[in-house]
Protein backbone atom coordinates (compact mmCIF):
# COMPACT_ATOMS: atom_id res chain seq x y z
CA MET A 1 0.52 -0.14 0.11
CA ALA A 2 1.59 2.83 -0.96
CA LEU A 3 1.35 7.06 0.76
CA PRO A 4 -2.57 8.94 -0.55
CA MET A 5 -1.44 11.09 -3.14
CA ASN A 6 -2.08 14.08 -0.84
CA ALA A 7 0.37 13.04 1.91
CA GLN A 8 2.38 16.36 2.99
CA VAL A 9 6.47 14.10 2.99
CA ASP A 10 9.88 14.97 3.71
CA PRO A 11 12.12 13.49 1.19
CA ARG A 12 14.76 12.92 4.14
CA ASP A 13 11.83 11.16 5.61
CA VAL A 14 13.53 7.14 4.09
CA HIS A 15 10.91 5.43 6.16
CA ALA A 16 7.44 7.52 6.46
CA GLN A 17 6.24 4.69 4.23
CA ALA A 18 6.79 2.12 6.77
CA ARG A 19 5.22 3.71 9.18
CA PHE A 20 2.68 4.44 6.72
CA ASN A 21 1.94 0.40 5.73
CA MET A 22 2.54 -0.03 9.75
CA ILE A 23 -0.14 1.79 10.92
CA GLU A 24 -2.80 0.76 7.36
CA GLN A 25 -1.88 -2.96 7.85
CA GLN A 26 -0.94 -3.41 11.26
CA VAL A 27 -2.15 -1.29 13.33
CA ARG A 28 -6.32 0.07 12.01
CA PRO A 29 -6.90 -3.19 11.29
CA TRP A 30 -6.43 -5.04 15.01
CA ASN A 31 -9.81 -2.59 16.04
CA VAL A 32 -7.27 0.15 16.43
CA LEU A 33 -9.42 3.59 15.39
CA ASP A 34 -8.98 5.56 17.34
CA GLU A 35 -7.48 8.31 14.62
CA SER A 36 -5.93 10.45 17.72
CA VAL A 37 -3.82 7.06 18.14
CA LEU A 38 -3.33 6.25 13.82
CA GLU A 39 -1.56 9.85 14.69
CA LEU A 40 0.03 9.83 17.25
CA MET A 41 1.44 6.11 15.41
CA GLY A 42 2.30 8.74 12.73
CA GLN A 43 4.21 11.12 14.18
CA ILE A 44 6.85 9.85 16.62
CA ARG A 45 9.35 8.43 14.83
CA ARG A 46 9.95 4.19 16.22
CA GLU A 47 12.88 3.93 14.23
CA ASP A 48 15.36 6.56 16.60
CA PHE A 49 13.68 3.98 19.72
CA VAL A 50 15.86 1.01 18.11
CA PRO A 51 18.45 -0.02 18.21
CA PRO A 52 20.72 0.95 15.43
CA GLU A 53 21.83 -3.29 14.17
CA HIS A 54 17.64 -3.85 14.51
CA GLN A 55 15.70 -0.58 11.96
CA SER A 56 15.18 -2.51 9.13
CA LEU A 57 12.34 -4.20 12.79
CA ALA A 58 11.81 -0.89 13.80
CA TYR A 59 8.11 -1.24 11.79
CA MET A 60 7.38 -5.02 11.24
CA ASP A 61 5.41 -6.87 13.53
CA LEU A 62 7.45 -8.38 15.91
CA GLU A 63 8.97 -7.95 19.03
CA VAL A 64 11.91 -6.07 18.37
CA PRO A 65 15.42 -7.36 20.25
CA LEU A 66 16.44 -4.58 22.19
CA LYS A 67 19.44 -6.27 23.40
CA ALA A 68 21.64 -9.52 22.32
CA ASP A 69 19.51 -12.12 19.55
CA ALA A 70 16.21 -12.82 19.33
CA GLU A 71 16.26 -15.76 22.07
CA GLN A 72 17.61 -13.92 25.57
CA ALA A 73 15.66 -10.87 24.26
CA ALA A 74 12.92 -12.53 25.26
CA LYS A 75 13.68 -14.27 28.25
CA HIS A 76 14.83 -11.22 30.04
CA GLY A 77 12.16 -8.54 29.02
CA TRP A 78 14.15 -7.21 26.42
CA HIS A 79 12.25 -6.23 23.57
CA MET A 80 9.93 -3.61 22.40
CA LEU A 81 5.89 -4.85 21.99
CA ALA A 82 4.65 -5.28 18.66
CA PRO A 83 3.18 -1.64 17.23
CA LYS A 84 -0.29 -2.56 17.02
CA ILE A 85 0.31 -3.33 20.95
CA GLU A 86 1.35 -0.61 21.92
CA ALA A 87 -1.83 0.52 19.57
CA ARG A 88 -4.75 -0.77 20.92
CA VAL A 89 -3.74 -0.58 24.76
CA LEU A 90 -3.52 3.15 24.06
CA GLN A 91 -6.68 3.09 22.62
CA ASP A 92 -8.63 1.61 24.99
CA LEU A 93 -6.57 3.31 28.09
CA GLN A 94 -8.30 6.59 26.76
CA ILE A 95 -5.32 8.33 28.55
CA LYS A 96 -7.20 12.34 29.87
CA PRO A 97 -4.66 15.49 29.63
CA SER A 98 -5.07 15.54 32.74
CA ASP A 99 -3.38 11.65 33.70
CA ARG A 100 0.08 11.34 35.42
CA VAL A 101 0.86 7.97 33.94
CA LEU A 102 3.33 4.54 35.50
CA GLU A 103 4.62 2.41 33.30
CA ILE A 104 6.54 -0.22 34.39
CA GLY A 105 9.17 -1.22 31.70
CA SER A 106 10.64 1.35 29.82
CA GLY A 107 11.97 -0.98 27.58
CA SER A 108 13.61 1.99 24.44
CA GLY A 109 11.23 4.50 25.90
CA TYR A 110 9.32 4.50 22.35
CA MET A 111 5.69 3.75 24.58
CA ALA A 112 7.00 6.75 27.38
CA ALA A 113 6.59 8.36 24.38
CA LEU A 114 3.61 7.98 23.31
CA LEU A 115 1.66 7.79 27.16
CA ALA A 116 3.18 10.99 28.02
CA ALA A 117 2.10 12.40 24.59
CA LYS A 118 -1.72 12.52 25.20
CA ALA A 119 -0.70 12.11 29.01
CA LYS A 120 -0.04 15.22 31.94
CA GLU A 121 2.80 13.51 33.08
CA VAL A 122 4.75 9.86 32.82
CA VAL A 123 7.12 7.96 35.56
CA THR A 124 8.49 5.37 33.78
CA LEU A 125 10.66 1.87 35.75
CA GLU A 126 13.71 0.02 33.97
CA ILE A 127 15.24 -2.73 35.50
CA ASP A 128 17.77 -3.25 33.75
CA PRO A 129 21.22 0.00 33.46
CA GLU A 130 21.41 -0.12 30.20
CA LEU A 131 17.74 -0.19 29.19
CA ALA A 132 17.48 2.93 31.09
CA GLU A 133 19.87 5.17 29.57
CA MET A 134 18.42 3.63 26.51
CA ALA A 135 15.67 4.82 27.51
CA ARG A 136 16.85 8.96 28.37
CA GLU A 137 19.04 9.19 25.78
CA ASN A 138 15.49 8.52 23.35
CA LEU A 139 13.34 10.51 25.44
CA LEU A 140 15.80 12.78 25.90
CA SER A 141 16.73 13.13 21.75
CA ALA A 142 13.23 13.40 20.60
CA GLY A 143 12.15 16.52 22.79
CA VAL A 144 10.43 14.32 25.03
CA LYS A 145 10.09 16.93 28.15
CA ASN A 146 7.45 15.05 30.81
CA VAL A 147 8.85 11.64 31.42
CA GLU A 148 10.61 10.71 34.67
CA VAL A 149 12.95 7.26 33.89
CA LYS A 150 13.77 5.51 36.90
CA LEU A 151 16.52 2.32 37.21
CA ALA A 152 13.37 0.41 39.27
CA ASN A 153 12.67 -2.72 39.62
CA GLY A 154 8.29 -2.08 38.08
CA ALA A 155 7.36 -5.36 40.65
CA THR A 156 8.34 -3.56 43.96
CA THR A 157 7.09 0.16 42.42
CA SER A 158 9.26 1.20 45.40
CA LEU A 159 10.77 3.53 44.28
CA ALA A 160 7.39 5.50 42.48
CA GLN A 161 6.26 7.78 44.35
CA GLY A 162 2.56 8.67 44.95
CA ALA A 163 -0.54 7.50 43.57
CA PHE A 164 -1.51 7.41 39.18
CA ASP A 165 -4.68 7.09 37.23
CA VAL A 166 -2.88 4.62 35.07
CA ILE A 167 -0.43 2.21 35.46
CA VAL A 168 0.78 0.23 32.51
CA LEU A 169 2.60 -2.89 32.12
CA SER A 170 5.15 -2.83 28.73
CA GLY A 171 5.30 -6.29 29.58
CA SER A 172 2.80 -9.86 30.34
CA VAL A 173 2.80 -11.06 33.92
CA ALA A 174 0.85 -14.18 35.61
CA VAL A 175 -1.49 -12.03 37.33
CA VAL A 176 -1.80 -8.38 38.35
CA PRO A 177 0.45 -7.48 41.24
CA ASP A 178 -2.04 -6.07 44.52
CA ALA A 179 0.00 -3.50 45.45
CA LEU A 180 -0.43 -2.41 41.56
CA TYR A 181 -4.20 -1.38 43.29
CA ALA A 182 -3.21 0.70 45.34
CA GLN A 183 -1.27 2.97 43.54
CA LEU A 184 -4.82 3.49 41.62
CA ASN A 185 -6.26 7.29 42.05
CA GLU A 186 -10.17 7.15 41.58
CA GLY A 187 -11.22 6.04 38.10
CA GLY A 188 -7.48 5.25 37.87
CA ARG A 189 -6.81 1.64 36.00
CA ILE A 190 -4.56 -0.11 34.77
CA ALA A 191 -3.42 -2.67 31.78
CA ALA A 192 -1.54 -5.81 31.18
CA ILE A 193 -0.72 -8.78 29.35
CA VAL A 194 -1.80 -11.76 32.33
CA GLY A 195 -1.85 -15.15 30.95
CA HIS A 196 0.97 -17.39 30.26
CA MET A 197 1.78 -18.12 26.57
CA PRO A 198 0.23 -19.88 23.79
CA VAL A 199 -2.13 -17.45 24.34
CA MET A 200 -3.22 -14.42 27.38
CA ARG A 201 -5.76 -11.54 27.77
CA PHE A 202 -4.81 -7.37 27.83
CA THR A 203 -6.51 -6.85 31.23
CA LEU A 204 -8.09 -3.72 32.02
CA VAL A 205 -8.81 -2.13 35.84
CA THR A 206 -10.49 0.35 36.53
CA LYS A 207 -11.22 1.34 40.41
CA ASN A 208 -15.05 3.16 40.96
CA GLY A 209 -14.70 3.88 44.88
CA ASN A 210 -13.92 0.47 47.09
CA ASN A 211 -14.34 -2.02 43.90
CA PHE A 212 -12.41 -3.17 40.67
CA GLU A 213 -14.21 -3.97 37.55
CA VAL A 214 -12.20 -5.51 35.08
CA LYS A 215 -12.61 -6.15 31.19
CA GLN A 216 -10.83 -9.09 29.25
CA PRO A 217 -11.06 -7.72 25.81
CA TRP A 218 -8.87 -9.39 22.86
CA ASP A 219 -6.28 -11.78 23.74
CA THR A 220 -2.41 -11.68 22.80
CA ALA A 221 1.43 -12.49 24.29
CA ALA A 222 3.74 -11.10 25.35
CA SER A 223 7.30 -11.56 26.78
CA ARG A 224 7.55 -11.46 30.14
CA LEU A 225 8.40 -8.40 32.40
CA VAL A 226 10.84 -9.18 34.61
CA GLY A 227 10.76 -9.48 38.56
CA PHE A 228 7.54 -11.02 38.61
CA ASN A 229 6.24 -13.70 40.62
CA GLU A 230 5.31 -16.36 39.03
CA PRO A 231 2.68 -18.52 40.57
CA SER A 232 2.29 -22.28 40.09
CA ARG A 233 -0.36 -22.88 37.76
CA PHE A 234 -1.55 -26.29 39.11
CA SER A 235 -2.86 -26.97 41.43
CA PHE A 236 -3.81 -30.14 43.85
């Protein structure tokens, strides 16, 4: 699929066609119809958040390794989520300009950049020092100023100050930790990919008073976030 005839394209932007194809062939067919999300996916240059050796993978429908090879990256959580998953999470969260967001799993900083474009403030936690520095540098280079990257184990969230309107887990977990519920403001949302391979469920938790409404609107699969408990799948 080629760019539309009336598209305004910077001739220096060698990734423009790939970015357009990602939106039209991966993201939109995955029921991402929010035009503000689609526009944002076209504005933020994903290639700037991908290691140089993997730039050819920036707009492909896969988890891009951020360190080592694909197998090691998946094992240690050194990856970016597939673009269509990031877009649909962003759409389903319906982030408001006043929202304070906590992301667990900074990776390269790309998801934090997407979140920051819609929110007031983003705090993103990364357990790996090399990735935390990568995220800081990428966000700085992209001119994103309302994100704070912290080197921390997101499974404990001990360094995340205060409560949040949105909490995003940028990777999968077996269960949503109870500690995260306590960090939600009224009306706050948690977005997580929950379960076990080969099929997991996107889980959206919303705080309503003392109750938590849980929805699981779509299936997917993603590599694990490091540091979270892995309860036994079997009972006797």
